N, C-alpha and C. Protein backbone atom coordinates (compact mmCIF):
# COMPACT_ATOMS: atom_id res chain seq x y z
N MET A 1 0.83 -1.19 0.06
CA MET A 1 0.15 0.06 -0.02
C MET A 1 0.98 1.12 -0.08
N LEU A 2 1.87 1.02 0.82
CA LEU A 2 2.84 2.47 0.72
C LEU A 2 3.51 2.62 -0.47
N ASN A 3 3.94 1.59 -1.29
CA ASN A 3 4.47 1.64 -2.49
C ASN A 3 3.52 2.26 -3.44
N ALA A 4 2.35 1.97 -3.47
CA ALA A 4 1.15 2.58 -4.24
C ALA A 4 1.01 3.93 -4.01
N ILE A 5 1.01 4.54 -2.79
CA ILE A 5 1.03 6.01 -2.52
C ILE A 5 2.17 6.46 -2.92
N THR A 6 3.52 5.95 -2.78
CA THR A 6 4.76 6.75 -3.06
C THR A 6 4.59 6.73 -4.59
N ALA A 7 4.21 5.82 -5.40
CA ALA A 7 4.28 5.97 -6.82
C ALA A 7 3.13 7.11 -7.30
N LYS A 8 2.04 7.18 -6.70
CA LYS A 8 1.20 8.15 -6.98
C LYS A 8 1.75 9.74 -6.92
N ILE A 9 2.41 9.75 -5.66
CA ILE A 9 3.03 11.08 -5.52
C ILE A 9 4.17 11.42 -6.27
N GLN A 10 4.89 10.38 -6.72
CA GLN A 10 6.06 10.39 -7.80
C GLN A 10 5.28 10.91 -9.04
N ALA A 11 4.10 10.36 -9.44
CA ALA A 11 3.66 10.59 -10.55
C ALA A 11 3.06 12.05 -10.65
N CYS A 12 2.51 12.63 -9.50
CA CYS A 12 2.08 13.76 -9.46
C CYS A 12 3.17 14.90 -9.50
N PHE A 13 4.41 14.60 -8.76
CA PHE A 13 5.41 15.47 -8.60
C PHE A 13 6.72 14.84 -8.88
N PRO A 14 7.02 14.68 -10.22
CA PRO A 14 8.24 13.89 -10.80
C PRO A 14 9.42 14.72 -10.49
N ALA A 15 10.21 14.03 -10.14
CA ALA A 15 11.78 14.68 -9.82
C ALA A 15 12.26 15.14 -11.23
N PRO A 16 13.15 16.11 -11.44
CA PRO A 16 13.71 16.46 -12.59
C PRO A 16 14.60 15.41 -12.60
N GLU A 17 15.13 15.28 -13.96
CA GLU A 17 16.14 14.32 -14.01
C GLU A 17 17.69 15.14 -13.89
N VAL A 18 18.56 14.68 -13.21
CA VAL A 18 19.98 15.33 -12.97
C VAL A 18 21.02 14.54 -13.64
N HIS A 19 22.27 15.30 -14.10
CA HIS A 19 23.22 14.58 -14.36
C HIS A 19 24.68 15.60 -13.70
N ALA A 20 25.62 14.74 -13.38
CA ALA A 20 26.97 15.17 -12.62
C ALA A 20 28.15 14.57 -13.77
N HIS A 21 29.05 15.41 -13.86
CA HIS A 21 30.02 15.01 -14.81
C HIS A 21 31.21 14.35 -13.77
N CYS A 22 31.06 14.32 -12.69
CA CYS A 22 31.97 13.72 -11.70
C CYS A 22 31.18 13.12 -10.42
N ASP A 23 31.81 12.43 -9.73
CA ASP A 23 31.17 11.87 -8.52
C ASP A 23 31.02 12.38 -7.36
N GLY A 24 31.48 13.81 -7.39
CA GLY A 24 31.62 14.59 -5.90
C GLY A 24 31.24 16.00 -6.48
N PRO A 25 31.02 16.97 -5.70
CA PRO A 25 30.58 18.07 -5.97
C PRO A 25 31.66 18.85 -6.67
N CYS A 26 31.36 19.67 -7.60
CA CYS A 26 32.53 20.32 -8.58
C CYS A 26 33.39 21.06 -7.52
N GLY A 27 34.78 21.20 -7.76
CA GLY A 27 35.59 21.86 -6.98
C GLY A 27 36.32 20.81 -6.05
N VAL A 28 35.85 19.59 -5.93
CA VAL A 28 36.55 18.82 -4.93
C VAL A 28 37.76 18.30 -5.59
N TYR A 29 37.73 18.07 -6.92
CA TYR A 29 39.08 17.47 -7.61
C TYR A 29 39.84 18.60 -7.96
N ASP A 30 41.19 18.36 -7.66
CA ASP A 30 42.10 19.21 -8.11
C ASP A 30 43.60 18.66 -8.35
N PRO A 31 44.26 18.66 -9.27
CA PRO A 31 45.62 18.19 -9.45
C PRO A 31 46.75 18.73 -8.61
N ALA A 32 46.26 19.75 -7.96
CA ALA A 32 47.37 20.38 -7.11
C ALA A 32 48.12 19.46 -5.77
N ALA A 33 47.27 18.57 -5.45
CA ALA A 33 47.78 17.80 -4.54
C ALA A 33 48.85 16.84 -4.89
N ALA A 34 48.71 16.27 -6.22
CA ALA A 34 49.69 15.71 -6.90
C ALA A 34 50.96 16.18 -7.33
N ARG A 35 50.64 17.59 -7.61
CA ARG A 35 52.01 18.48 -7.83
C ARG A 35 52.78 18.54 -6.69
N ILE A 36 52.04 18.89 -5.43
CA ILE A 36 52.98 19.06 -4.38
C ILE A 36 53.56 17.69 -3.91
N THR A 37 52.99 16.55 -3.97
CA THR A 37 53.65 15.33 -3.58
C THR A 37 54.65 14.86 -4.66
N ALA A 38 54.42 15.28 -5.93
CA ALA A 38 55.56 14.75 -7.00
C ALA A 38 56.70 15.75 -6.81
N GLU A 39 56.54 16.89 -6.38
CA GLU A 39 57.73 17.87 -6.11
C GLU A 39 58.34 17.33 -4.85
N ALA A 40 57.53 16.91 -4.04
CA ALA A 40 58.60 16.21 -2.84
C ALA A 40 59.27 14.93 -3.51
N VAL A 41 58.94 14.06 -4.17
CA VAL A 41 59.44 13.03 -4.75
C VAL A 41 60.71 13.46 -5.42
N LEU A 42 60.74 14.62 -6.16
CA LEU A 42 61.83 15.11 -7.12
C LEU A 42 62.89 15.67 -5.96
N SER A 43 62.30 16.48 -4.94
CA SER A 43 63.13 17.01 -3.88
C SER A 43 63.91 15.91 -3.18
N MET A 44 63.24 15.03 -2.64
CA MET A 44 64.08 13.76 -2.03
C MET A 44 64.90 13.30 -2.72
N THR A 45 64.49 13.06 -4.09
CA THR A 45 65.56 12.20 -5.01
C THR A 45 66.93 12.91 -5.06
N LYS A 46 66.51 14.09 -5.38
CA LYS A 46 67.83 14.99 -5.54
C LYS A 46 68.75 14.91 -4.46
N LYS A 47 68.01 15.19 -2.96
CA LYS A 47 68.84 14.86 -1.80
C LYS A 47 69.43 13.68 -1.68
N ILE A 48 68.80 12.49 -2.13
CA ILE A 48 69.37 11.24 -1.73
C ILE A 48 70.59 11.26 -2.57
N VAL A 49 70.51 11.75 -3.87
CA VAL A 49 71.67 11.52 -5.07
C VAL A 49 72.82 12.40 -4.54
N ASP A 50 72.69 13.51 -3.77
CA ASP A 50 73.63 14.52 -3.22
C ASP A 50 74.17 14.20 -1.87
N LEU A 51 73.50 13.20 -1.25
CA LEU A 51 73.88 13.19 0.13
C LEU A 51 75.07 12.32 0.49
N GLN A 52 76.12 12.89 1.07
CA GLN A 52 77.37 12.08 1.36
C GLN A 52 77.79 12.14 2.86
N PRO A 53 78.27 11.14 3.40
CA PRO A 53 78.56 11.11 4.73
C PRO A 53 79.60 12.25 5.00
N ALA A 54 79.58 12.64 6.27
CA ALA A 54 80.52 13.63 6.41
C ALA A 54 81.72 13.02 6.91
N GLY A 55 82.00 11.90 7.14
CA GLY A 55 83.30 11.16 7.42
C GLY A 55 83.05 9.64 7.35
N GLN A 56 84.06 8.97 7.96
CA GLN A 56 83.94 7.58 7.86
C GLN A 56 84.00 6.95 9.36
N ASP A 57 83.68 7.77 10.37
CA ASP A 57 83.47 7.30 11.64
C ASP A 57 82.12 6.77 11.72
N ALA A 58 82.02 6.04 13.00
CA ALA A 58 80.80 5.52 13.04
C ALA A 58 79.52 6.47 13.40
N ALA A 59 79.73 7.76 14.26
CA ALA A 59 78.81 8.74 14.34
C ALA A 59 78.65 9.20 12.88
N SER A 60 79.25 9.49 12.03
CA SER A 60 79.10 10.25 10.62
C SER A 60 78.09 9.24 9.81
N MET A 61 78.74 7.73 10.03
CA MET A 61 77.93 6.74 9.15
C MET A 61 76.46 6.71 9.71
N VAL A 62 76.24 6.74 11.17
CA VAL A 62 74.95 6.70 11.54
C VAL A 62 74.20 7.85 11.19
N ALA A 63 74.70 8.85 11.17
CA ALA A 63 73.93 10.30 10.93
C ALA A 63 73.53 10.09 9.37
N TYR A 64 74.60 9.83 8.65
CA TYR A 64 74.25 9.42 6.98
C TYR A 64 73.21 8.43 6.96
N ASN A 65 73.37 7.39 7.63
CA ASN A 65 72.32 6.14 7.27
C ASN A 65 70.69 6.70 7.83
N ASN A 66 70.69 7.65 8.90
CA ASN A 66 69.55 8.01 9.60
C ASN A 66 68.96 8.86 8.44
N THR A 67 69.82 9.97 8.03
CA THR A 67 69.24 10.87 6.98
C THR A 67 68.80 10.39 5.61
N LEU A 68 69.53 9.29 5.19
CA LEU A 68 69.14 8.58 3.92
C LEU A 68 68.03 7.79 4.13
N SER A 69 67.90 6.91 5.28
CA SER A 69 66.40 6.37 5.39
C SER A 69 65.36 7.28 5.41
N ARG A 70 65.60 8.51 6.00
CA ARG A 70 64.50 9.26 6.11
C ARG A 70 64.00 9.95 4.93
N TYR A 71 64.97 10.30 3.99
CA TYR A 71 64.77 10.84 2.84
C TYR A 71 64.12 9.77 1.71
N ILE A 72 64.42 8.42 2.13
CA ILE A 72 64.00 7.31 1.08
C ILE A 72 62.46 7.12 1.65
N ALA A 73 62.21 7.05 2.99
CA ALA A 73 60.90 6.88 3.40
C ALA A 73 59.87 8.25 2.79
N ILE A 74 60.30 9.39 2.95
CA ILE A 74 59.59 10.42 2.49
C ILE A 74 59.26 10.44 0.92
N LYS A 75 60.41 10.01 0.18
CA LYS A 75 60.33 9.76 -1.30
C LYS A 75 59.29 8.54 -1.49
N GLU A 76 59.22 7.52 -1.05
CA GLU A 76 58.41 6.50 -1.32
C GLU A 76 57.00 6.89 -0.59
N GLU A 77 56.70 7.58 0.24
CA GLU A 77 55.44 8.09 0.71
C GLU A 77 54.73 8.97 -0.06
N GLN A 78 55.45 9.99 -0.62
CA GLN A 78 55.09 11.03 -1.46
C GLN A 78 54.69 10.46 -2.86
N ALA A 79 55.64 9.28 -3.42
CA ALA A 79 55.22 9.03 -4.64
C ALA A 79 53.93 8.18 -4.63
N GLN A 80 53.74 7.32 -3.27
CA GLN A 80 52.46 6.60 -3.15
C GLN A 80 51.37 7.61 -3.07
N LYS A 81 51.45 8.75 -2.63
CA LYS A 81 50.28 9.97 -2.38
C LYS A 81 50.08 10.47 -3.97
N THR A 82 51.16 10.55 -4.47
CA THR A 82 51.16 11.06 -5.91
C THR A 82 50.28 10.21 -6.63
N LYS A 83 50.67 8.99 -6.66
CA LYS A 83 49.79 7.73 -7.64
C LYS A 83 48.25 7.79 -7.11
N GLU A 84 48.00 8.01 -5.75
CA GLU A 84 46.69 7.86 -5.24
C GLU A 84 45.94 9.19 -5.94
N ASP A 85 46.54 10.16 -5.89
CA ASP A 85 46.03 11.51 -6.12
C ASP A 85 45.59 11.53 -7.79
N ILE A 86 46.64 10.98 -8.43
CA ILE A 86 46.40 10.88 -10.01
C ILE A 86 45.36 9.90 -10.40
N LEU A 87 45.28 8.40 -9.53
CA LEU A 87 44.44 7.54 -9.82
C LEU A 87 43.00 8.11 -9.39
N ILE A 88 42.66 8.91 -8.40
CA ILE A 88 41.48 9.46 -8.15
C ILE A 88 40.82 10.28 -9.14
N LEU A 89 41.91 11.15 -9.79
CA LEU A 89 41.58 11.96 -10.91
C LEU A 89 41.05 11.12 -12.15
N TRP A 90 41.55 10.15 -12.34
CA TRP A 90 41.53 9.25 -13.47
C TRP A 90 40.37 8.61 -13.25
N THR A 91 40.04 8.02 -12.21
CA THR A 91 38.70 7.23 -12.26
C THR A 91 37.68 7.73 -11.68
N ASP A 92 37.70 8.72 -10.93
CA ASP A 92 36.59 9.49 -10.42
C ASP A 92 36.14 10.60 -11.17
N TYR A 93 37.29 11.59 -11.48
CA TYR A 93 36.85 12.73 -12.39
C TYR A 93 36.57 12.64 -13.80
N PHE A 94 37.57 11.95 -14.40
CA PHE A 94 37.45 11.99 -15.90
C PHE A 94 36.34 10.92 -16.29
N LYS A 95 35.76 11.30 -17.36
CA LYS A 95 34.47 10.60 -17.84
C LYS A 95 34.61 10.27 -19.28
N PRO A 96 33.78 9.41 -19.97
CA PRO A 96 33.84 9.34 -21.49
C PRO A 96 33.99 10.45 -22.32
N VAL A 97 33.25 11.47 -21.98
CA VAL A 97 33.23 12.89 -22.72
C VAL A 97 34.49 13.37 -22.78
N HIS A 98 35.41 13.06 -21.65
CA HIS A 98 36.76 13.67 -21.64
C HIS A 98 37.60 12.95 -22.63
N LEU A 99 37.42 11.61 -22.89
CA LEU A 99 38.21 10.65 -23.90
C LEU A 99 38.05 11.24 -25.30
N GLU A 100 36.76 11.88 -25.59
CA GLU A 100 36.61 12.24 -26.84
C GLU A 100 37.41 13.49 -27.13
N LYS A 101 37.83 14.19 -26.39
CA LYS A 101 38.57 15.33 -26.58
C LYS A 101 40.14 14.89 -26.37
N TYR A 102 40.48 14.07 -25.20
CA TYR A 102 41.75 13.50 -25.09
C TYR A 102 41.76 11.99 -25.15
N PRO A 103 41.78 11.56 -26.35
CA PRO A 103 42.00 10.15 -26.64
C PRO A 103 43.02 9.35 -26.14
N ASP A 104 44.17 10.08 -25.76
CA ASP A 104 45.15 9.30 -24.98
C ASP A 104 45.33 9.40 -23.29
N LEU A 105 44.05 9.79 -22.90
CA LEU A 105 43.86 10.09 -21.60
C LEU A 105 44.26 8.83 -20.85
N HIS A 106 43.83 7.80 -21.10
CA HIS A 106 44.19 6.60 -20.18
C HIS A 106 45.78 6.19 -20.35
N ASP A 107 46.16 6.31 -21.51
CA ASP A 107 47.80 6.31 -21.57
C ASP A 107 48.53 7.11 -20.66
N ILE A 108 48.12 8.50 -20.80
CA ILE A 108 48.63 9.53 -19.83
C ILE A 108 48.72 9.13 -18.59
N PHE A 109 47.58 8.66 -17.87
CA PHE A 109 47.61 8.38 -16.45
C PHE A 109 48.11 7.31 -16.23
N TRP A 110 48.12 6.07 -17.14
CA TRP A 110 48.70 4.77 -16.96
C TRP A 110 50.14 5.06 -16.71
N LYS A 111 50.78 5.90 -17.54
CA LYS A 111 52.17 6.16 -17.48
C LYS A 111 52.82 6.79 -16.31
N ALA A 112 51.75 7.77 -16.03
CA ALA A 112 51.99 8.57 -14.84
C ALA A 112 52.00 7.63 -13.51
N ALA A 113 51.01 6.80 -13.43
CA ALA A 113 51.09 5.93 -12.21
C ALA A 113 52.33 5.07 -12.36
N LYS A 114 52.86 4.61 -13.56
CA LYS A 114 53.83 3.77 -13.43
C LYS A 114 55.13 4.44 -13.33
N LEU A 115 55.27 5.79 -13.43
CA LEU A 115 56.38 6.69 -12.92
C LEU A 115 56.40 6.80 -11.51
N CYS A 116 55.24 6.94 -10.76
CA CYS A 116 55.23 6.96 -9.26
C CYS A 116 55.72 5.70 -8.75
N SER A 117 55.46 4.29 -9.44
CA SER A 117 56.05 3.20 -9.04
C SER A 117 57.44 3.15 -9.24
N ALA A 118 57.91 3.65 -10.29
CA ALA A 118 59.27 3.64 -10.69
C ALA A 118 60.00 4.46 -9.66
N CYS A 119 59.42 5.67 -9.15
CA CYS A 119 60.35 6.75 -8.29
C CYS A 119 60.26 6.01 -6.94
N LYS A 120 59.26 4.96 -6.73
CA LYS A 120 59.40 4.26 -5.14
C LYS A 120 60.41 3.32 -5.13
N VAL A 121 60.71 2.78 -6.40
CA VAL A 121 61.63 1.58 -6.39
C VAL A 121 63.02 2.00 -6.78
N GLU A 122 63.29 3.20 -7.60
CA GLU A 122 64.66 3.59 -7.71
C GLU A 122 64.90 4.86 -7.21
N VAL A 123 66.13 5.28 -7.44
CA VAL A 123 66.44 6.72 -7.21
C VAL A 123 66.89 7.18 -8.42
N SER A 124 65.95 8.06 -9.07
CA SER A 124 66.30 8.36 -10.41
C SER A 124 65.78 9.93 -10.65
N VAL A 125 66.81 10.88 -10.76
CA VAL A 125 66.19 12.08 -10.91
C VAL A 125 65.55 12.13 -12.26
N GLU A 126 65.98 11.39 -13.40
CA GLU A 126 65.24 11.35 -14.69
C GLU A 126 63.84 11.23 -14.35
N HIS A 127 63.40 10.00 -13.76
CA HIS A 127 62.07 9.52 -13.55
C HIS A 127 61.22 10.47 -12.83
N ALA A 128 61.83 10.97 -11.66
CA ALA A 128 61.36 11.86 -10.96
C ALA A 128 60.85 13.38 -11.70
N THR A 129 61.80 13.75 -12.52
CA THR A 129 61.38 14.90 -13.37
C THR A 129 60.51 14.58 -14.37
N GLU A 130 60.44 13.20 -14.76
CA GLU A 130 59.34 12.95 -15.81
C GLU A 130 57.79 12.75 -15.10
N LEU A 131 58.06 12.39 -13.91
CA LEU A 131 56.68 12.30 -13.16
C LEU A 131 56.36 13.82 -12.95
N MET A 132 57.01 14.73 -12.60
CA MET A 132 56.65 16.05 -12.61
C MET A 132 56.28 16.65 -13.90
N ALA A 133 56.76 16.20 -15.12
CA ALA A 133 56.28 16.53 -16.33
C ALA A 133 54.83 15.81 -16.67
N ALA A 134 54.67 14.49 -16.24
CA ALA A 134 53.26 14.05 -16.29
C ALA A 134 52.18 14.65 -15.66
N VAL A 135 52.61 14.85 -14.19
CA VAL A 135 51.67 15.77 -13.32
C VAL A 135 51.23 17.22 -14.07
N GLU A 136 52.21 17.72 -14.56
CA GLU A 136 51.80 19.25 -15.10
C GLU A 136 50.99 18.77 -16.42
N GLN A 137 51.20 17.80 -17.20
CA GLN A 137 50.15 17.52 -18.39
C GLN A 137 48.87 17.18 -17.80
N ILE A 138 48.71 16.42 -16.78
CA ILE A 138 47.46 15.94 -16.18
C ILE A 138 46.86 17.45 -15.69
N HIS A 139 47.55 18.18 -15.29
CA HIS A 139 47.02 19.55 -14.69
C HIS A 139 46.43 20.32 -15.68
N GLY A 140 47.27 20.25 -16.90
CA GLY A 140 46.74 20.99 -17.98
C GLY A 140 45.44 20.56 -18.50
N ILE A 141 45.52 19.15 -18.79
CA ILE A 141 44.10 18.59 -19.01
C ILE A 141 43.07 18.88 -18.23
N PHE A 142 43.33 18.64 -17.02
CA PHE A 142 42.13 18.69 -16.07
C PHE A 142 41.54 20.12 -16.04
N TRP A 143 42.35 21.24 -16.13
CA TRP A 143 41.89 22.52 -15.97
C TRP A 143 41.33 22.79 -17.42
N ALA A 144 41.80 22.38 -18.49
CA ALA A 144 41.22 22.51 -19.73
C ALA A 144 39.63 21.85 -19.98
N THR A 145 39.58 21.03 -19.20
CA THR A 145 38.37 20.23 -19.14
C THR A 145 37.07 21.16 -18.18
N LYS A 146 37.53 22.06 -17.58
CA LYS A 146 36.71 23.07 -16.82
C LYS A 146 37.08 24.36 -17.57
N ASP A 147 37.42 24.61 -18.79
CA ASP A 147 37.53 25.79 -19.47
C ASP A 147 38.09 26.90 -18.58
N ARG A 148 39.02 26.39 -17.89
CA ARG A 148 40.07 27.35 -17.09
C ARG A 148 41.42 27.39 -17.33
N ASP A 149 42.08 28.47 -17.34
CA ASP A 149 43.48 28.41 -17.53
C ASP A 149 44.14 28.66 -16.14
N VAL A 150 44.46 27.75 -15.38
CA VAL A 150 45.19 27.80 -14.14
C VAL A 150 46.57 27.73 -14.40
N GLN A 151 47.46 28.39 -14.01
CA GLN A 151 48.93 28.37 -14.29
C GLN A 151 49.60 27.38 -13.39
N TRP A 152 50.37 26.68 -14.01
CA TRP A 152 51.31 25.85 -13.20
C TRP A 152 52.33 26.38 -12.44
N VAL A 153 52.26 26.11 -11.23
CA VAL A 153 53.14 26.98 -10.08
C VAL A 153 53.90 25.77 -9.63
N LYS A 154 55.01 25.79 -9.36
CA LYS A 154 55.81 24.85 -8.24
C LYS A 154 56.37 25.92 -7.13
N ALA A 155 56.43 24.92 -6.22
CA ALA A 155 56.82 25.31 -4.88
C ALA A 155 58.23 25.78 -4.78
N SER A 156 59.13 24.94 -5.53
CA SER A 156 60.49 25.22 -5.64
C SER A 156 61.11 25.59 -6.89
């Protein structure tokens, strides 16, 4: 009986059909988080490459290993966060309509995610720089889908 009453009310007062281009309210998604974490990956990678022990004594080696392990932990954590941020954009924000304008969208995101993995596994300034370029490309595409020209600004 309740279903019949509900159906009659809905027939008298139909709800308008709505559409959303993303899974959350507009403005929730932003590639800035991926830029910040990718910058940290690049920064930590450069610091790892440049790090040298102050001496060969035990205290110098302990300090060196401590600093090195901290840089590595930060690099890996930030690479994982970058990966999570770009995967959220890829899977939650971008829709089939975006593929019409950017047919290589899946390839761009897939390669960016693979670069995140490479940056976790390796100490490669080249790959960290490529990751920054991939995130910049994603930034450009993202804002173009919103018809906005948002400048790419790095912290460092």
